[in-house]
Amino acid sequence: MFDTLDQGISAAQQGLGISVVDLVLASADLAAGRLVTPFKHAVATGDGYYMTWLKASPKARQMHKLREFLLGQVPPLACKDINYLYG
């Protein structure tokens, strides 16, 4: 049991067992072959990050630019053949 996802990923990379991880956080390690998925299923939690702002905000344009920038920083998932399970 680890306090952070990063610790779980590191332990799995060192061969200490398996870890439940966020596919986005592990994407680079999966793509590089440092980690593998033992199953072809993943649980879709529905969790995520959300940006909100008032439509009439004078800073709406800047917020939209920030949103686009942040979305551009998210790596593509290396596990395209994963089946997501929804609860």
PDB file of N, CA and C in Angstrom:
ATOM      1  N   MET A   1       0.850  -1.163   0.000  1.00  0.00           N
ATOM      2  CA  MET A   1       0.000   0.000   0.000  1.00  0.00           C
ATOM      3  C   MET A   1       0.904   1.236   0.000  1.00  0.00           C
ATOM      4  N   PHE A   2       0.602   2.156  -0.900  1.00  0.00           N
ATOM      5  CA  PHE A   2       1.401   3.369  -1.028  1.00  0.00           C
ATOM      6  C   PHE A   2       0.514   4.593  -0.879  1.00  0.00           C
ATOM      7  N   ASP A   3       1.124   5.697  -0.489  1.00  0.00           N
ATOM      8  CA  ASP A   3       0.382   6.936  -0.291  1.00  0.00           C
ATOM      9  C   ASP A   3       0.066   7.651  -1.596  1.00  0.00           C
ATOM     10  N   THR A   4       0.905   7.455  -2.612  1.00  0.00           N
ATOM     11  CA  THR A   4       0.692   8.168  -3.868  1.00  0.00           C
ATOM     12  C   THR A   4       0.740   7.196  -5.046  1.00  0.00           C
ATOM     13  N   LEU A   5       0.107   7.597  -6.140  1.00  0.00           N
ATOM     14  CA  LEU A   5       0.148   6.785  -7.358  1.00  0.00           C
ATOM     15  C   LEU A   5       1.578   6.659  -7.865  1.00  0.00           C
ATOM     16  N   ASP A   6       2.356   7.709  -7.711  1.00  0.00           N
ATOM     17  CA  ASP A   6       3.746   7.688  -8.166  1.00  0.00           C
ATOM     18  C   ASP A   6       4.545   6.602  -7.454  1.00  0.00           C
ATOM     19  N   GLN A   7       4.312   6.425  -6.163  1.00  0.00           N
ATOM     20  CA  GLN A   7       5.014   5.378  -5.420  1.00  0.00           C
ATOM     21  C   GLN A   7       4.603   3.994  -5.918  1.00  0.00           C
ATOM     22  N   GLY A   8       3.323   3.819  -6.223  1.00  0.00           N
ATOM     23  CA  GLY A   8       2.850   2.541  -6.755  1.00  0.00           C
ATOM     24  C   GLY A   8       3.448   2.238  -8.112  1.00  0.00           C
ATOM     25  N   ILE A   9       3.538   3.251  -8.962  1.00  0.00           N
ATOM     26  CA  ILE A   9       4.143   3.080 -10.282  1.00  0.00           C
ATOM     27  C   ILE A   9       5.614   2.701 -10.135  1.00  0.00           C
ATOM     28  N   SER A  10       6.318   3.395  -9.261  1.00  0.00           N
ATOM     29  CA  SER A  10       7.736   3.110  -9.039  1.00  0.00           C
ATOM     30  C   SER A  10       7.943   1.685  -8.526  1.00  0.00           C
ATOM     31  N   ALA A  11       7.109   1.242  -7.600  1.00  0.00           N
ATOM     32  CA  ALA A  11       7.232  -0.120  -7.064  1.00  0.00           C
ATOM     33  C   ALA A  11       7.000  -1.155  -8.159  1.00  0.00           C
ATOM     34  N   ALA A  12       6.002  -0.921  -9.010  1.00  0.00           N
ATOM     35  CA  ALA A  12       5.735  -1.859 -10.106  1.00  0.00           C
ATOM     36  C   ALA A  12       6.911  -1.895 -11.080  1.00  0.00           C
ATOM     37  N   GLN A  13       7.510  -0.746 -11.364  1.00  0.00           N
ATOM     38  CA  GLN A  13       8.670  -0.696 -12.255  1.00  0.00           C
ATOM     39  C   GLN A  13       9.849  -1.477 -11.681  1.00  0.00           C
ATOM     40  N   GLN A  14       9.943  -1.528 -10.377  1.00  0.00           N
ATOM     41  CA  GLN A  14      11.032  -2.244  -9.716  1.00  0.00           C
ATOM     42  C   GLN A  14      10.734  -3.726  -9.528  1.00  0.00           C
ATOM     43  N   GLY A  15       9.586  -4.164 -10.035  1.00  0.00           N
ATOM     44  CA  GLY A  15       9.249  -5.575  -9.954  1.00  0.00           C
ATOM     45  C   GLY A  15       8.725  -6.019  -8.605  1.00  0.00           C
ATOM     46  N   LEU A  16       8.195  -5.089  -7.825  1.00  0.00           N
ATOM     47  CA  LEU A  16       7.708  -5.419  -6.486  1.00  0.00           C
ATOM     48  C   LEU A  16       6.252  -5.878  -6.469  1.00  0.00           C
ATOM     49  N   GLY A  17       5.650  -6.009  -7.625  1.00  0.00           N
ATOM     50  CA  GLY A  17       4.259  -6.456  -7.694  1.00  0.00           C
ATOM     51  C   GLY A  17       3.476  -5.628  -8.688  1.00  0.00           C
ATOM     52  N   ILE A  18       2.165  -5.652  -8.524  1.00  0.00           N
ATOM     53  CA  ILE A  18       1.305  -4.878  -9.416  1.00  0.00           C
ATOM     54  C   ILE A  18       0.765  -3.671  -8.660  1.00  0.00           C
ATOM     55  N   SER A  19       0.276  -2.707  -9.406  1.00  0.00           N
ATOM     56  CA  SER A  19      -0.247  -1.492  -8.805  1.00  0.00           C
ATOM     57  C   SER A  19      -1.463  -1.031  -9.590  1.00  0.00           C
ATOM     58  N   VAL A  20      -2.424  -0.488  -8.895  1.00  0.00           N
ATOM     59  CA  VAL A  20      -3.570   0.149  -9.534  1.00  0.00           C
ATOM     60  C   VAL A  20      -3.154   1.591  -9.798  1.00  0.00           C
ATOM     61  N   VAL A  21      -3.173   1.995 -11.063  1.00  0.00           N
ATOM     62  CA  VAL A  21      -2.662   3.318 -11.421  1.00  0.00           C
ATOM     63  C   VAL A  21      -3.648   4.056 -12.312  1.00  0.00           C
ATOM     64  N   ASP A  22      -3.417   5.322 -12.459  1.00  0.00           N
ATOM     65  CA  ASP A  22      -4.142   6.159 -13.402  1.00  0.00           C
ATOM     66  C   ASP A  22      -3.454   5.984 -14.755  1.00  0.00           C
ATOM     67  N   LEU A  23      -4.202   5.588 -15.778  1.00  0.00           N
ATOM     68  CA  LEU A  23      -3.596   5.328 -17.088  1.00  0.00           C
ATOM     69  C   LEU A  23      -2.932   6.563 -17.682  1.00  0.00           C
ATOM     70  N   VAL A  24      -3.462   7.738 -17.394  1.00  0.00           N
ATOM     71  CA  VAL A  24      -2.835   8.954 -17.913  1.00  0.00           C
ATOM     72  C   VAL A  24      -1.463   9.151 -17.274  1.00  0.00           C
ATOM     73  N   LEU A  25      -1.375   8.942 -15.961  1.00  0.00           N
ATOM     74  CA  LEU A  25      -0.088   9.109 -15.274  1.00  0.00           C
ATOM     75  C   LEU A  25       0.931   8.059 -15.700  1.00  0.00           C
ATOM     76  N   ALA A  26       0.470   6.874 -16.037  1.00  0.00           N
ATOM     77  CA  ALA A  26       1.377   5.785 -16.411  1.00  0.00           C
ATOM     78  C   ALA A  26       1.588   5.690 -17.916  1.00  0.00           C
ATOM     79  N   SER A  27       0.985   6.560 -18.688  1.00  0.00           N
ATOM     80  CA  SER A  27       0.995   6.455 -20.144  1.00  0.00           C
ATOM     81  C   SER A  27       2.399   6.385 -20.740  1.00  0.00           C
ATOM     82  N   ALA A  28       3.297   7.256 -20.304  1.00  0.00           N
ATOM     83  CA  ALA A  28       4.662   7.252 -20.862  1.00  0.00           C
ATOM     84  C   ALA A  28       5.380   5.950 -20.524  1.00  0.00           C
ATOM     85  N   ASP A  29       5.190   5.444 -19.310  1.00  0.00           N
ATOM     86  CA  ASP A  29       5.831   4.186 -18.912  1.00  0.00           C
ATOM     87  C   ASP A  29       5.247   3.003 -19.677  1.00  0.00           C
ATOM     88  N   LEU A  30       3.960   3.038 -19.948  1.00  0.00           N
ATOM     89  CA  LEU A  30       3.332   1.975 -20.740  1.00  0.00           C
ATOM     90  C   LEU A  30       3.847   2.010 -22.177  1.00  0.00           C
ATOM     91  N   ALA A  31       3.936   3.212 -22.747  1.00  0.00           N
ATOM     92  CA  ALA A  31       4.409   3.354 -24.128  1.00  0.00           C
ATOM     93  C   ALA A  31       5.860   2.905 -24.271  1.00  0.00           C
ATOM     94  N   ALA A  32       6.669   3.147 -23.233  1.00  0.00           N
ATOM     95  CA  ALA A  32       8.093   2.787 -23.278  1.00  0.00           C
ATOM     96  C   ALA A  32       8.342   1.335 -22.887  1.00  0.00           C
ATOM     97  N   GLY A  33       7.298   0.632 -22.453  1.00  0.00           N
ATOM     98  CA  GLY A  33       7.462  -0.762 -22.069  1.00  0.00           C
ATOM     99  C   GLY A  33       7.971  -0.969 -20.650  1.00  0.00           C
ATOM    100  N   ARG A  34       8.061   0.107 -19.869  1.00  0.00           N
ATOM    101  CA  ARG A  34       8.500  -0.032 -18.475  1.00  0.00           C
ATOM    102  C   ARG A  34       7.399  -0.620 -17.603  1.00  0.00           C
ATOM    103  N   LEU A  35       6.159  -0.489 -18.063  1.00  0.00           N
ATOM    104  CA  LEU A  35       4.996  -1.087 -17.403  1.00  0.00           C
ATOM    105  C   LEU A  35       4.148  -1.777 -18.456  1.00  0.00           C
ATOM    106  N   VAL A  36       3.401  -2.768 -18.044  1.00  0.00           N
ATOM    107  CA  VAL A  36       2.440  -3.435 -18.925  1.00  0.00           C
ATOM    108  C   VAL A  36       1.116  -3.537 -18.183  1.00  0.00           C
ATOM    109  N   THR A  37       0.049  -3.664 -18.944  1.00  0.00           N
ATOM    110  CA  THR A  37      -1.263  -3.861 -18.325  1.00  0.00           C
ATOM    111  C   THR A  37      -1.528  -5.360 -18.247  1.00  0.00           C
ATOM    112  N   PRO A  38      -1.775  -5.886 -17.040  1.00  0.00           N
ATOM    113  CA  PRO A  38      -2.001  -7.324 -16.906  1.00  0.00           C
ATOM    114  C   PRO A  38      -3.381  -7.753 -17.402  1.00  0.00           C
ATOM    115  N   PHE A  39      -4.286  -6.798 -17.535  1.00  0.00           N
ATOM    116  CA  PHE A  39      -5.647  -7.086 -17.988  1.00  0.00           C
ATOM    117  C   PHE A  39      -6.002  -6.112 -19.105  1.00  0.00           C
ATOM    118  N   LYS A  40      -6.952  -6.479 -19.918  1.00  0.00           N
ATOM    119  CA  LYS A  40      -7.396  -5.603 -21.006  1.00  0.00           C
ATOM    120  C   LYS A  40      -8.646  -4.823 -20.619  1.00  0.00           C
ATOM    121  N   HIS A  41      -8.853  -4.675 -19.313  1.00  0.00           N
ATOM    122  CA  HIS A  41     -10.006  -3.923 -18.815  1.00  0.00           C
ATOM    123  C   HIS A  41      -9.527  -2.867 -17.830  1.00  0.00           C
ATOM    124  N   ALA A  42     -10.190  -1.738 -17.817  1.00  0.00           N
ATOM    125  CA  ALA A  42      -9.909  -0.673 -16.853  1.00  0.00           C
ATOM    126  C   ALA A  42     -11.243  -0.121 -16.379  1.00  0.00           C
ATOM    127  N   VAL A  43     -11.275   0.335 -15.162  1.00  0.00           N
ATOM    128  CA  VAL A  43     -12.499   0.907 -14.602  1.00  0.00           C
ATOM    129  C   VAL A  43     -12.514   2.401 -14.895  1.00  0.00           C
ATOM    130  N   ALA A  44     -13.566   2.851 -15.540  1.00  0.00           N
ATOM    131  CA  ALA A  44     -13.742   4.279 -15.795  1.00  0.00           C
ATOM    132  C   ALA A  44     -14.426   4.874 -14.569  1.00  0.00           C
ATOM    133  N   THR A  45     -13.705   5.705 -13.841  1.00  0.00           N
ATOM    134  CA  THR A  45     -14.233   6.233 -12.586  1.00  0.00           C
ATOM    135  C   THR A  45     -15.170   7.407 -12.781  1.00  0.00           C
ATOM    136  N   GLY A  46     -15.013   8.110 -13.878  1.00  0.00           N
ATOM    137  CA  GLY A  46     -15.796   9.326 -14.063  1.00  0.00           C
ATOM    138  C   GLY A  46     -15.168  10.525 -13.377  1.00  0.00           C
ATOM    139  N   ASP A  47     -14.086  10.272 -12.642  1.00  0.00           N
ATOM    140  CA  ASP A  47     -13.389  11.374 -11.989  1.00  0.00           C
ATOM    141  C   ASP A  47     -12.629  12.177 -13.029  1.00  0.00           C
ATOM    142  N   GLY A  48     -12.399  13.405 -12.732  1.00  0.00           N
ATOM    143  CA  GLY A  48     -11.647  14.237 -13.650  1.00  0.00           C
ATOM    144  C   GLY A  48     -11.441  15.623 -13.076  1.00  0.00           C
ATOM    145  N   TYR A  49     -10.898  16.471 -13.879  1.00  0.00           N
ATOM    146  CA  TYR A  49     -10.683  17.860 -13.502  1.00  0.00           C
ATOM    147  C   TYR A  49     -11.573  18.715 -14.383  1.00  0.00           C
ATOM    148  N   TYR A  50     -12.143  19.735 -13.790  1.00  0.00           N
ATOM    149  CA  TYR A  50     -13.068  20.589 -14.517  1.00  0.00           C
ATOM    150  C   TYR A  50     -12.697  22.047 -14.310  1.00  0.00           C
ATOM    151  N   MET A  51     -12.712  22.807 -15.381  1.00  0.00           N
ATOM    152  CA  MET A  51     -12.512  24.254 -15.303  1.00  0.00           C
ATOM    153  C   MET A  51     -13.862  24.902 -15.521  1.00  0.00           C
ATOM    154  N   THR A  52     -14.170  25.849 -14.704  1.00  0.00           N
ATOM    155  CA  THR A  52     -15.418  26.596 -14.888  1.00  0.00           C
ATOM    156  C   THR A  52     -15.130  28.086 -14.777  1.00  0.00           C
ATOM    157  N   TRP A  53     -15.901  28.862 -15.512  1.00  0.00           N
ATOM    158  CA  TRP A  53     -15.818  30.307 -15.412  1.00  0.00           C
ATOM    159  C   TRP A  53     -17.120  30.878 -15.927  1.00  0.00           C
ATOM    160  N   LEU A  54     -17.397  32.098 -15.543  1.00  0.00           N
ATOM    161  CA  LEU A  54     -18.615  32.753 -15.997  1.00  0.00           C
ATOM    162  C   LEU A  54     -18.516  33.050 -17.486  1.00  0.00           C
ATOM    163  N   LYS A  55     -19.585  32.747 -18.194  1.00  0.00           N
ATOM    164  CA  LYS A  55     -19.594  32.991 -19.636  1.00  0.00           C
ATOM    165  C   LYS A  55     -19.324  34.462 -19.948  1.00  0.00           C
ATOM    166  N   ALA A  56     -19.846  35.350 -19.111  1.00  0.00           N
ATOM    167  CA  ALA A  56     -19.688  36.788 -19.344  1.00  0.00           C
ATOM    168  C   ALA A  56     -18.421  37.359 -18.715  1.00  0.00           C
ATOM    169  N   SER A  57     -17.541  36.512 -18.223  1.00  0.00           N
ATOM    170  CA  SER A  57     -16.320  36.992 -17.573  1.00  0.00           C
ATOM    171  C   SER A  57     -15.439  37.739 -18.567  1.00  0.00           C
ATOM    172  N   PRO A  58     -14.855  38.854 -18.131  1.00  0.00           N
ATOM    173  CA  PRO A  58     -13.933  39.559 -19.023  1.00  0.00           C
ATOM    174  C   PRO A  58     -12.665  38.736 -19.309  1.00  0.00           C
ATOM    175  N   LYS A  59     -12.425  37.706 -18.524  1.00  0.00           N
ATOM    176  CA  LYS A  59     -11.240  36.861 -18.722  1.00  0.00           C
ATOM    177  C   LYS A  59     -11.586  35.535 -19.403  1.00  0.00           C
ATOM    178  N   ALA A  60     -12.781  35.413 -19.946  1.00  0.00           N
ATOM    179  CA  ALA A  60     -13.208  34.158 -20.569  1.00  0.00           C
ATOM    180  C   ALA A  60     -12.268  33.742 -21.702  1.00  0.00           C
ATOM    181  N   ARG A  61     -11.818  34.686 -22.487  1.00  0.00           N
ATOM    182  CA  ARG A  61     -10.920  34.352 -23.605  1.00  0.00           C
ATOM    183  C   ARG A  61      -9.599  33.769 -23.086  1.00  0.00           C
ATOM    184  N   GLN A  62      -9.043  34.377 -22.036  1.00  0.00           N
ATOM    185  CA  GLN A  62      -7.801  33.864 -21.456  1.00  0.00           C
ATOM    186  C   GLN A  62      -8.017  32.485 -20.837  1.00  0.00           C
ATOM    187  N   MET A  63      -9.168  32.285 -20.205  1.00  0.00           N
ATOM    188  CA  MET A  63      -9.468  30.988 -19.606  1.00  0.00           C
ATOM    189  C   MET A  63      -9.569  29.912 -20.691  1.00  0.00           C
ATOM    190  N   HIS A  64     -10.179  30.254 -21.816  1.00  0.00           N
ATOM    191  CA  HIS A  64     -10.288  29.302 -22.917  1.00  0.00           C
ATOM    192  C   HIS A  64      -8.890  28.948 -23.444  1.00  0.00           C
ATOM    193  N   LYS A  65      -8.011  29.937 -23.554  1.00  0.00           N
ATOM    194  CA  LYS A  65      -6.638  29.671 -23.998  1.00  0.00           C
ATOM    195  C   LYS A  65      -5.903  28.773 -23.008  1.00  0.00           C
ATOM    196  N   LEU A  66      -6.108  29.010 -21.705  1.00  0.00           N
ATOM    197  CA  LEU A  66      -5.487  28.167 -20.683  1.00  0.00           C
ATOM    198  C   LEU A  66      -6.003  26.741 -20.798  1.00  0.00           C
ATOM    199  N   ARG A  67      -7.296  26.593 -21.018  1.00  0.00           N
ATOM    200  CA  ARG A  67      -7.890  25.261 -21.179  1.00  0.00           C
ATOM    201  C   ARG A  67      -7.252  24.527 -22.354  1.00  0.00           C
ATOM    202  N   GLU A  68      -7.134  25.196 -23.480  1.00  0.00           N
ATOM    203  CA  GLU A  68      -6.536  24.574 -24.659  1.00  0.00           C
ATOM    204  C   GLU A  68      -5.077  24.191 -24.403  1.00  0.00           C
ATOM    205  N   PHE A  69      -4.349  25.054 -23.705  1.00  0.00           N
ATOM    206  CA  PHE A  69      -2.962  24.746 -23.369  1.00  0.00           C
ATOM    207  C   PHE A  69      -2.889  23.500 -22.494  1.00  0.00           C
ATOM    208  N   LEU A  70      -3.703  23.453 -21.450  1.00  0.00           N
ATOM    209  CA  LEU A  70      -3.683  22.306 -20.537  1.00  0.00           C
ATOM    210  C   LEU A  70      -4.049  21.017 -21.257  1.00  0.00           C
ATOM    211  N   LEU A  71      -5.056  21.062 -22.120  1.00  0.00           N
ATOM    212  CA  LEU A  71      -5.434  19.868 -22.880  1.00  0.00           C
ATOM    213  C   LEU A  71      -4.292  19.406 -23.779  1.00  0.00           C
ATOM    214  N   GLY A  72      -3.507  20.338 -24.283  1.00  0.00           N
ATOM    215  CA  GLY A  72      -2.369  19.994 -25.128  1.00  0.00           C
ATOM    216  C   GLY A  72      -1.227  19.332 -24.369  1.00  0.00           C
ATOM    217  N   GLN A  73      -1.240  19.437 -23.047  1.00  0.00           N
ATOM    218  CA  GLN A  73      -0.189  18.844 -22.227  1.00  0.00           C
ATOM    219  C   GLN A  73      -0.484  17.397 -21.848  1.00  0.00           C
ATOM    220  N   VAL A  74      -1.704  16.941 -22.075  1.00  0.00           N
ATOM    221  CA  VAL A  74      -2.096  15.581 -21.701  1.00  0.00           C
ATOM    222  C   VAL A  74      -1.580  14.614 -22.762  1.00  0.00           C
ATOM    223  N   PRO A  75      -0.774  13.634 -22.361  1.00  0.00           N
ATOM    224  CA  PRO A  75      -0.249  12.690 -23.352  1.00  0.00           C
ATOM    225  C   PRO A  75      -1.353  11.756 -23.843  1.00  0.00           C
ATOM    226  N   PRO A  76      -1.236  11.283 -25.077  1.00  0.00           N
ATOM    227  CA  PRO A  76      -2.216  10.298 -25.547  1.00  0.00           C
ATOM    228  C   PRO A  76      -2.048   9.003 -24.759  1.00  0.00           C
ATOM    229  N   LEU A  77      -3.135   8.308 -24.536  1.00  0.00           N
ATOM    230  CA  LEU A  77      -3.061   7.041 -23.811  1.00  0.00           C
ATOM    231  C   LEU A  77      -2.364   5.995 -24.656  1.00  0.00           C
ATOM    232  N   ALA A  78      -1.446   5.279 -24.044  1.00  0.00           N
ATOM    233  CA  ALA A  78      -0.699   4.233 -24.738  1.00  0.00           C
ATOM    234  C   ALA A  78      -1.514   2.950 -24.846  1.00  0.00           C
ATOM    235  N   CYS A  79      -2.600   2.854 -24.116  1.00  0.00           N
ATOM    236  CA  CYS A  79      -3.401   1.621 -24.048  1.00  0.00           C
ATOM    237  C   CYS A  79      -4.672   1.773 -24.863  1.00  0.00           C
ATOM    238  N   LYS A  80      -4.547   1.801 -26.143  1.00  0.00           N
ATOM    239  CA  LYS A  80      -5.720   1.993 -26.986  1.00  0.00           C
ATOM    240  C   LYS A  80      -6.629   0.766 -27.024  1.00  0.00           C
ATOM    241  N   ASP A  81      -6.110  -0.409 -26.662  1.00  0.00           N
ATOM    242  CA  ASP A  81      -6.914  -1.631 -26.727  1.00  0.00           C
ATOM    243  C   ASP A  81      -7.565  -1.979 -25.389  1.00  0.00           C
ATOM    244  N   ILE A  82      -7.621  -1.036 -24.475  1.00  0.00           N
ATOM    245  CA  ILE A  82      -8.246  -1.257 -23.170  1.00  0.00           C
ATOM    246  C   ILE A  82      -9.761  -1.113 -23.294  1.00  0.00           C
ATOM    247  N   ASN A  83     -10.486  -2.023 -22.679  1.00  0.00           N
ATOM    248  CA  ASN A  83     -11.940  -1.930 -22.586  1.00  0.00           C
ATOM    249  C   ASN A  83     -12.281  -1.289 -21.253  1.00  0.00           C
ATOM    250  N   TYR A  84     -13.061  -0.225 -21.279  1.00  0.00           N
ATOM    251  CA  TYR A  84     -13.417   0.469 -20.049  1.00  0.00           C
ATOM    252  C   TYR A  84     -14.711  -0.086 -19.476  1.00  0.00           C
ATOM    253  N   LEU A  85     -14.692  -0.343 -18.185  1.00  0.00           N
ATOM    254  CA  LEU A  85     -15.856  -0.841 -17.465  1.00  0.00           C
ATOM    255  C   LEU A  85     -16.508   0.327 -16.737  1.00  0.00           C
ATOM    256  N   TYR A  86     -17.776   0.516 -16.977  1.00  0.00           N
ATOM    257  CA  TYR A  86     -18.516   1.607 -16.340  1.00  0.00           C
ATOM    258  C   TYR A  86     -19.450   1.021 -15.297  1.00  0.00           C
ATOM    259  N   GLY A  87     -19.496   1.661 -14.125  1.00  0.00           N
ATOM    260  CA  GLY A  87     -20.325   1.135 -13.039  1.00  0.00           C
ATOM    261  C   GLY A  87     -21.538   1.834 -12.881  1.00  0.00           C
TER     262      GLY A  87
END
